[in-house]
Amino acid sequence: AATFMAEDGFLAAARFISDSVEELDGSVAWNIPEVLKKHSAAPFGSQVLSAAGSTRFGVYGLDFGWGIPEKVEIVSS
């Protein structure tokens, strides 16, 4: 966490996320069991970052009478 708390922490986090995404390929879905093993083996107290989103979620096109949403948050537990 110290890396991300430093003066250039935001840039370090952006690079880390970018590098992680670039490593993904079409076989990522088939590797889910291995990914889960890695996550479950993480040391206690490890920090985890998760991001979710979908351009096909369709919620931004909904209008309940007070206009379309400005922001949508996806909650997971």
PDB file of N, CA and C in Angstrom:
ATOM      1  N   ALA A   1       0.820  -1.196   0.000  1.00  0.00           N
ATOM      2  CA  ALA A   1       0.000   0.000   0.000  1.00  0.00           C
ATOM      3  C   ALA A   1       0.862   1.257   0.000  1.00  0.00           C
ATOM      4  N   ALA A   2       2.082   1.156   0.490  1.00  0.00           N
ATOM      5  CA  ALA A   2       2.961   2.327   0.555  1.00  0.00           C
ATOM      6  C   ALA A   2       3.227   2.889  -0.837  1.00  0.00           C
ATOM      7  N   THR A   3       3.330   2.021  -1.818  1.00  0.00           N
ATOM      8  CA  THR A   3       3.564   2.465  -3.194  1.00  0.00           C
ATOM      9  C   THR A   3       2.444   3.382  -3.665  1.00  0.00           C
ATOM     10  N   PHE A   4       1.216   3.019  -3.332  1.00  0.00           N
ATOM     11  CA  PHE A   4       0.064   3.785  -3.798  1.00  0.00           C
ATOM     12  C   PHE A   4      -0.204   5.018  -2.942  1.00  0.00           C
ATOM     13  N   MET A   5       0.382   5.074  -1.760  1.00  0.00           N
ATOM     14  CA  MET A   5       0.205   6.230  -0.881  1.00  0.00           C
ATOM     15  C   MET A   5       1.273   7.298  -1.123  1.00  0.00           C
ATOM     16  N   ALA A   6       2.281   6.974  -1.918  1.00  0.00           N
ATOM     17  CA  ALA A   6       3.359   7.925  -2.208  1.00  0.00           C
ATOM     18  C   ALA A   6       2.840   9.059  -3.090  1.00  0.00           C
ATOM     19  N   GLU A   7       3.701  10.033  -3.330  1.00  0.00           N
ATOM     20  CA  GLU A   7       3.306  11.211  -4.107  1.00  0.00           C
ATOM     21  C   GLU A   7       2.783  10.842  -5.493  1.00  0.00           C
ATOM     22  N   ASP A   8       3.419   9.859  -6.134  1.00  0.00           N
ATOM     23  CA  ASP A   8       2.975   9.429  -7.460  1.00  0.00           C
ATOM     24  C   ASP A   8       2.153   8.142  -7.380  1.00  0.00           C
ATOM     25  N   GLY A   9       1.461   7.957  -6.266  1.00  0.00           N
ATOM     26  CA  GLY A   9       0.678   6.746  -6.029  1.00  0.00           C
ATOM     27  C   GLY A   9      -0.432   6.520  -7.031  1.00  0.00           C
ATOM     28  N   PHE A  10      -1.118   7.597  -7.410  1.00  0.00           N
ATOM     29  CA  PHE A  10      -2.202   7.453  -8.383  1.00  0.00           C
ATOM     30  C   PHE A  10      -1.664   6.929  -9.704  1.00  0.00           C
ATOM     31  N   LEU A  11      -0.530   7.466 -10.134  1.00  0.00           N
ATOM     32  CA  LEU A  11       0.099   7.011 -11.370  1.00  0.00           C
ATOM     33  C   LEU A  11       0.536   5.552 -11.252  1.00  0.00           C
ATOM     34  N   ALA A  12       1.090   5.182 -10.107  1.00  0.00           N
ATOM     35  CA  ALA A  12       1.509   3.793  -9.889  1.00  0.00           C
ATOM     36  C   ALA A  12       0.311   2.856  -9.957  1.00  0.00           C
ATOM     37  N   ALA A  13      -0.806   3.254  -9.363  1.00  0.00           N
ATOM     38  CA  ALA A  13      -2.016   2.431  -9.393  1.00  0.00           C
ATOM     39  C   ALA A  13      -2.540   2.300 -10.818  1.00  0.00           C
ATOM     40  N   ALA A  14      -2.536   3.399 -11.561  1.00  0.00           N
ATOM     41  CA  ALA A  14      -3.003   3.365 -12.948  1.00  0.00           C
ATOM     42  C   ALA A  14      -2.133   2.439 -13.791  1.00  0.00           C
ATOM     43  N   ARG A  15      -0.815   2.501 -13.590  1.00  0.00           N
ATOM     44  CA  ARG A  15       0.093   1.613 -14.330  1.00  0.00           C
ATOM     45  C   ARG A  15      -0.151   0.151 -13.964  1.00  0.00           C
ATOM     46  N   PHE A  16      -0.342  -0.108 -12.673  1.00  0.00           N
ATOM     47  CA  PHE A  16      -0.583  -1.477 -12.210  1.00  0.00           C
ATOM     48  C   PHE A  16      -1.853  -2.037 -12.841  1.00  0.00           C
ATOM     49  N   ILE A  17      -2.916  -1.255 -12.829  1.00  0.00           N
ATOM     50  CA  ILE A  17      -4.187  -1.705 -13.407  1.00  0.00           C
ATOM     51  C   ILE A  17      -4.040  -1.904 -14.912  1.00  0.00           C
ATOM     52  N   SER A  18      -3.402  -0.966 -15.585  1.00  0.00           N
ATOM     53  CA  SER A  18      -3.201  -1.069 -17.027  1.00  0.00           C
ATOM     54  C   SER A  18      -2.404  -2.319 -17.386  1.00  0.00           C
ATOM     55  N   ASP A  19      -1.317  -2.562 -16.676  1.00  0.00           N
ATOM     56  CA  ASP A  19      -0.498  -3.749 -16.937  1.00  0.00           C
ATOM     57  C   ASP A  19      -1.288  -5.028 -16.692  1.00  0.00           C
ATOM     58  N   SER A  20      -2.102  -5.042 -15.648  1.00  0.00           N
ATOM     59  CA  SER A  20      -2.902  -6.226 -15.331  1.00  0.00           C
ATOM     60  C   SER A  20      -3.925  -6.508 -16.423  1.00  0.00           C
ATOM     61  N   VAL A  21      -4.564  -5.474 -16.925  1.00  0.00           N
ATOM     62  CA  VAL A  21      -5.565  -5.645 -17.979  1.00  0.00           C
ATOM     63  C   VAL A  21      -4.903  -6.107 -19.269  1.00  0.00           C
ATOM     64  N   GLU A  22      -3.736  -5.571 -19.584  1.00  0.00           N
ATOM     65  CA  GLU A  22      -3.039  -5.960 -20.808  1.00  0.00           C
ATOM     66  C   GLU A  22      -2.621  -7.427 -20.794  1.00  0.00           C
ATOM     67  N   GLU A  23      -2.434  -8.005 -19.612  1.00  0.00           N
ATOM     68  CA  GLU A  23      -2.043  -9.406 -19.509  1.00  0.00           C
ATOM     69  C   GLU A  23      -3.197 -10.359 -19.798  1.00  0.00           C
ATOM     70  N   LEU A  24      -4.429  -9.862 -19.759  1.00  0.00           N
ATOM     71  CA  LEU A  24      -5.592 -10.711 -19.988  1.00  0.00           C
ATOM     72  C   LEU A  24      -5.691 -11.091 -21.456  1.00  0.00           C
ATOM     73  N   ASP A  25      -6.202 -12.272 -21.702  1.00  0.00           N
ATOM     74  CA  ASP A  25      -6.469 -12.693 -23.071  1.00  0.00           C
ATOM     75  C   ASP A  25      -7.782 -13.482 -23.087  1.00  0.00           C
ATOM     76  N   GLY A  26      -8.110 -14.068 -24.202  1.00  0.00           N
ATOM     77  CA  GLY A  26      -9.383 -14.773 -24.349  1.00  0.00           C
ATOM     78  C   GLY A  26      -9.530 -15.998 -23.471  1.00  0.00           C
ATOM     79  N   SER A  27      -8.446 -16.494 -22.917  1.00  0.00           N
ATOM     80  CA  SER A  27      -8.530 -17.707 -22.101  1.00  0.00           C
ATOM     81  C   SER A  27      -8.800 -17.413 -20.633  1.00  0.00           C
ATOM     82  N   VAL A  28      -8.980 -16.144 -20.281  1.00  0.00           N
ATOM     83  CA  VAL A  28      -9.115 -15.782 -18.871  1.00  0.00           C
ATOM     84  C   VAL A  28     -10.286 -16.498 -18.203  1.00  0.00           C
ATOM     85  N   ALA A  29     -11.380 -16.683 -18.911  1.00  0.00           N
ATOM     86  CA  ALA A  29     -12.547 -17.347 -18.316  1.00  0.00           C
ATOM     87  C   ALA A  29     -12.237 -18.798 -17.967  1.00  0.00           C
ATOM     88  N   TRP A  30     -11.377 -19.443 -18.737  1.00  0.00           N
ATOM     89  CA  TRP A  30     -11.040 -20.843 -18.483  1.00  0.00           C
ATOM     90  C   TRP A  30     -10.067 -20.986 -17.317  1.00  0.00           C
ATOM     91  N   ASN A  31      -9.437 -19.895 -16.906  1.00  0.00           N
ATOM     92  CA  ASN A  31      -8.453 -19.931 -15.827  1.00  0.00           C
ATOM     93  C   ASN A  31      -9.021 -19.513 -14.479  1.00  0.00           C
ATOM     94  N   ILE A  32     -10.324 -19.392 -14.369  1.00  0.00           N
ATOM     95  CA  ILE A  32     -10.941 -18.931 -13.125  1.00  0.00           C
ATOM     96  C   ILE A  32     -10.549 -19.797 -11.924  1.00  0.00           C
ATOM     97  N   PRO A  33     -10.524 -21.131 -12.022  1.00  0.00           N
ATOM     98  CA  PRO A  33     -10.109 -21.924 -10.848  1.00  0.00           C
ATOM     99  C   PRO A  33      -8.706 -21.560 -10.347  1.00  0.00           C
ATOM    100  N   GLU A  34      -7.768 -21.324 -11.256  1.00  0.00           N
ATOM    101  CA  GLU A  34      -6.415 -20.949 -10.852  1.00  0.00           C
ATOM    102  C   GLU A  34      -6.396 -19.558 -10.220  1.00  0.00           C
ATOM    103  N   VAL A  35      -7.184 -18.649 -10.773  1.00  0.00           N
ATOM    104  CA  VAL A  35      -7.264 -17.295 -10.220  1.00  0.00           C
ATOM    105  C   VAL A  35      -7.814 -17.344  -8.799  1.00  0.00           C
ATOM    106  N   LEU A  36      -8.844 -18.142  -8.583  1.00  0.00           N
ATOM    107  CA  LEU A  36      -9.427 -18.265  -7.244  1.00  0.00           C
ATOM    108  C   LEU A  36      -8.429 -18.853  -6.254  1.00  0.00           C
ATOM    109  N   LYS A  37      -7.616 -19.810  -6.697  1.00  0.00           N
ATOM    110  CA  LYS A  37      -6.590 -20.373  -5.815  1.00  0.00           C
ATOM    111  C   LYS A  37      -5.591 -19.300  -5.390  1.00  0.00           C
ATOM    112  N   LYS A  38      -5.176 -18.458  -6.338  1.00  0.00           N
ATOM    113  CA  LYS A  38      -4.234 -17.385  -6.022  1.00  0.00           C
ATOM    114  C   LYS A  38      -4.830 -16.410  -5.021  1.00  0.00           C
ATOM    115  N   HIS A  39      -6.086 -16.051  -5.219  1.00  0.00           N
ATOM    116  CA  HIS A  39      -6.731 -15.092  -4.315  1.00  0.00           C
ATOM    117  C   HIS A  39      -6.907 -15.676  -2.920  1.00  0.00           C
ATOM    118  N   SER A  40      -7.245 -16.952  -2.842  1.00  0.00           N
ATOM    119  CA  SER A  40      -7.447 -17.556  -1.524  1.00  0.00           C
ATOM    120  C   SER A  40      -6.123 -17.772  -0.799  1.00  0.00           C
ATOM    121  N   ALA A  41      -5.010 -17.772  -1.530  1.00  0.00           N
ATOM    122  CA  ALA A  41      -3.698 -17.958  -0.914  1.00  0.00           C
ATOM    123  C   ALA A  41      -3.050 -16.630  -0.519  1.00  0.00           C
ATOM    124  N   ALA A  42      -3.737 -15.524  -0.743  1.00  0.00           N
ATOM    125  CA  ALA A  42      -3.176 -14.209  -0.403  1.00  0.00           C
ATOM    126  C   ALA A  42      -3.006 -14.096   1.105  1.00  0.00           C
ATOM    127  N   PRO A  43      -1.940 -13.475   1.555  1.00  0.00           N
ATOM    128  CA  PRO A  43      -1.700 -13.337   2.996  1.00  0.00           C
ATOM    129  C   PRO A  43      -2.800 -12.523   3.676  1.00  0.00           C
ATOM    130  N   PHE A  44      -3.050 -12.838   4.942  1.00  0.00           N
ATOM    131  CA  PHE A  44      -4.037 -12.098   5.720  1.00  0.00           C
ATOM    132  C   PHE A  44      -3.661 -10.620   5.735  1.00  0.00           C
ATOM    133  N   GLY A  45      -4.633  -9.771   5.549  1.00  0.00           N
ATOM    134  CA  GLY A  45      -4.388  -8.336   5.551  1.00  0.00           C
ATOM    135  C   GLY A  45      -4.072  -7.763   4.183  1.00  0.00           C
ATOM    136  N   SER A  46      -4.022  -8.624   3.164  1.00  0.00           N
ATOM    137  CA  SER A  46      -3.765  -8.137   1.808  1.00  0.00           C
ATOM    138  C   SER A  46      -4.910  -7.237   1.366  1.00  0.00           C
ATOM    139  N   GLN A  47      -4.582  -6.259   0.565  1.00  0.00           N
ATOM    140  CA  GLN A  47      -5.605  -5.368   0.032  1.00  0.00           C
ATOM    141  C   GLN A  47      -5.992  -5.822  -1.366  1.00  0.00           C
ATOM    142  N   VAL A  48      -7.280  -5.791  -1.636  1.00  0.00           N
ATOM    143  CA  VAL A  48      -7.793  -6.234  -2.923  1.00  0.00           C
ATOM    144  C   VAL A  48      -8.562  -5.090  -3.564  1.00  0.00           C
ATOM    145  N   LEU A  49      -8.343  -4.881  -4.835  1.00  0.00           N
ATOM    146  CA  LEU A  49      -9.065  -3.867  -5.588  1.00  0.00           C
ATOM    147  C   LEU A  49      -9.914  -4.573  -6.627  1.00  0.00           C
ATOM    148  N   SER A  50     -11.148  -4.173  -6.719  1.00  0.00           N
ATOM    149  CA  SER A  50     -12.051  -4.763  -7.693  1.00  0.00           C
ATOM    150  C   SER A  50     -12.792  -3.652  -8.418  1.00  0.00           C
ATOM    151  N   ALA A  51     -12.928  -3.794  -9.702  1.00  0.00           N
ATOM    152  CA  ALA A  51     -13.680  -2.816 -10.491  1.00  0.00           C
ATOM    153  C   ALA A  51     -14.636  -3.573 -11.395  1.00  0.00           C
ATOM    154  N   ALA A  52     -15.818  -3.027 -11.580  1.00  0.00           N
ATOM    155  CA  ALA A  52     -16.818  -3.684 -12.413  1.00  0.00           C
ATOM    156  C   ALA A  52     -17.534  -2.648 -13.248  1.00  0.00           C
ATOM    157  N   GLY A  53     -17.990  -3.080 -14.357  1.00  0.00           N
ATOM    158  CA  GLY A  53     -18.763  -2.186 -15.198  1.00  0.00           C
ATOM    159  C   GLY A  53     -19.141  -2.874 -16.491  1.00  0.00           C
ATOM    160  N   SER A  54     -20.119  -2.332 -17.154  1.00  0.00           N
ATOM    161  CA  SER A  54     -20.541  -2.893 -18.423  1.00  0.00           C
ATOM    162  C   SER A  54     -21.212  -1.814 -19.247  1.00  0.00           C
ATOM    163  N   THR A  55     -20.772  -1.655 -20.455  1.00  0.00           N
ATOM    164  CA  THR A  55     -21.428  -0.702 -21.347  1.00  0.00           C
ATOM    165  C   THR A  55     -22.747  -1.256 -21.848  1.00  0.00           C
ATOM    166  N   ARG A  56     -22.977  -2.557 -21.634  1.00  0.00           N
ATOM    167  CA  ARG A  56     -24.213  -3.184 -22.089  1.00  0.00           C
ATOM    168  C   ARG A  56     -25.204  -3.401 -20.954  1.00  0.00           C
ATOM    169  N   PHE A  57     -24.946  -2.786 -19.809  1.00  0.00           N
ATOM    170  CA  PHE A  57     -25.830  -2.957 -18.659  1.00  0.00           C
ATOM    171  C   PHE A  57     -27.214  -2.394 -18.952  1.00  0.00           C
ATOM    172  N   GLY A  58     -27.307  -1.336 -19.742  1.00  0.00           N
ATOM    173  CA  GLY A  58     -28.578  -0.804 -20.183  1.00  0.00           C
ATOM    174  C   GLY A  58     -29.285   0.119 -19.210  1.00  0.00           C
ATOM    175  N   VAL A  59     -28.753   0.290 -18.024  1.00  0.00           N
ATOM    176  CA  VAL A  59     -29.444   1.079 -17.015  1.00  0.00           C
ATOM    177  C   VAL A  59     -29.421   2.573 -17.333  1.00  0.00           C
ATOM    178  N   TYR A  60     -28.431   3.029 -18.102  1.00  0.00           N
ATOM    179  CA  TYR A  60     -28.363   4.455 -18.421  1.00  0.00           C
ATOM    180  C   TYR A  60     -29.467   4.878 -19.390  1.00  0.00           C
ATOM    181  N   GLY A  61     -30.106   3.938 -20.017  1.00  0.00           N
ATOM    182  CA  GLY A  61     -31.211   4.254 -20.910  1.00  0.00           C
ATOM    183  C   GLY A  61     -32.561   4.257 -20.210  1.00  0.00           C
ATOM    184  N   LEU A  62     -32.598   3.864 -18.947  1.00  0.00           N
ATOM    185  CA  LEU A  62     -33.856   3.819 -18.198  1.00  0.00           C
ATOM    186  C   LEU A  62     -34.293   5.218 -17.793  1.00  0.00           C
ATOM    187  N   ASP A  63     -35.589   5.428 -17.788  1.00  0.00           N
ATOM    188  CA  ASP A  63     -36.133   6.705 -17.329  1.00  0.00           C
ATOM    189  C   ASP A  63     -37.396   6.408 -16.535  1.00  0.00           C
ATOM    190  N   PHE A  64     -37.331   6.619 -15.225  1.00  0.00           N
ATOM    191  CA  PHE A  64     -38.466   6.356 -14.350  1.00  0.00           C
ATOM    192  C   PHE A  64     -39.332   7.598 -14.147  1.00  0.00           C
ATOM    193  N   GLY A  65     -39.141   8.593 -14.985  1.00  0.00           N
ATOM    194  CA  GLY A  65     -39.946   9.798 -14.887  1.00  0.00           C
ATOM    195  C   GLY A  65     -39.185  10.994 -14.348  1.00  0.00           C
ATOM    196  N   TRP A  66     -38.008  10.772 -13.787  1.00  0.00           N
ATOM    197  CA  TRP A  66     -37.212  11.890 -13.272  1.00  0.00           C
ATOM    198  C   TRP A  66     -35.902  12.035 -14.044  1.00  0.00           C
ATOM    199  N   GLY A  67     -35.827  11.424 -15.206  1.00  0.00           N
ATOM    200  CA  GLY A  67     -34.645  11.534 -16.058  1.00  0.00           C
ATOM    201  C   GLY A  67     -33.753  10.310 -15.959  1.00  0.00           C
ATOM    202  N   ILE A  68     -32.800  10.237 -16.870  1.00  0.00           N
ATOM    203  CA  ILE A  68     -31.888   9.091 -16.882  1.00  0.00           C
ATOM    204  C   ILE A  68     -30.869   9.216 -15.753  1.00  0.00           C
ATOM    205  N   PRO A  69     -30.320   8.096 -15.286  1.00  0.00           N
ATOM    206  CA  PRO A  69     -29.346   8.148 -14.190  1.00  0.00           C
ATOM    207  C   PRO A  69     -28.070   8.880 -14.596  1.00  0.00           C
ATOM    208  N   GLU A  70     -27.496   9.594 -13.634  1.00  0.00           N
ATOM    209  CA  GLU A  70     -26.200  10.233 -13.844  1.00  0.00           C
ATOM    210  C   GLU A  70     -25.067   9.290 -13.466  1.00  0.00           C
ATOM    211  N   LYS A  71     -25.341   8.374 -12.533  1.00  0.00           N
ATOM    212  CA  LYS A  71     -24.315   7.457 -12.052  1.00  0.00           C
ATOM    213  C   LYS A  71     -24.983   6.160 -11.620  1.00  0.00           C
ATOM    214  N   VAL A  72     -24.316   5.047 -11.890  1.00  0.00           N
ATOM    215  CA  VAL A  72     -24.799   3.738 -11.469  1.00  0.00           C
ATOM    216  C   VAL A  72     -23.678   3.056 -10.711  1.00  0.00           C
ATOM    217  N   GLU A  73     -23.971   2.502  -9.549  1.00  0.00           N
ATOM    218  CA  GLU A  73     -22.975   1.771  -8.770  1.00  0.00           C
ATOM    219  C   GLU A  73     -23.353   0.300  -8.732  1.00  0.00           C
ATOM    220  N   ILE A  74     -22.371  -0.557  -8.956  1.00  0.00           N
ATOM    221  CA  ILE A  74     -22.575  -1.996  -8.903  1.00  0.00           C
ATOM    222  C   ILE A  74     -22.051  -2.486  -7.565  1.00  0.00           C
ATOM    223  N   VAL A  75     -22.896  -3.170  -6.823  1.00  0.00           N
ATOM    224  CA  VAL A  75     -22.525  -3.652  -5.496  1.00  0.00           C
ATOM    225  C   VAL A  75     -22.375  -5.165  -5.552  1.00  0.00           C
ATOM    226  N   SER A  76     -21.347  -5.662  -4.927  1.00  0.00           N
ATOM    227  CA  SER A  76     -21.101  -7.094  -4.879  1.00  0.00           C
ATOM    228  C   SER A  76     -20.667  -7.469  -3.476  1.00  0.00           C
ATOM    229  N   SER A  77     -21.040  -8.648  -3.058  1.00  0.00           N
ATOM    230  CA  SER A  77     -20.608  -9.097  -1.729  1.00  0.00           C
ATOM    231  C   SER A  77     -20.046 -10.488  -1.793  1.00  0.00           C
TER     232      SER A  77
END
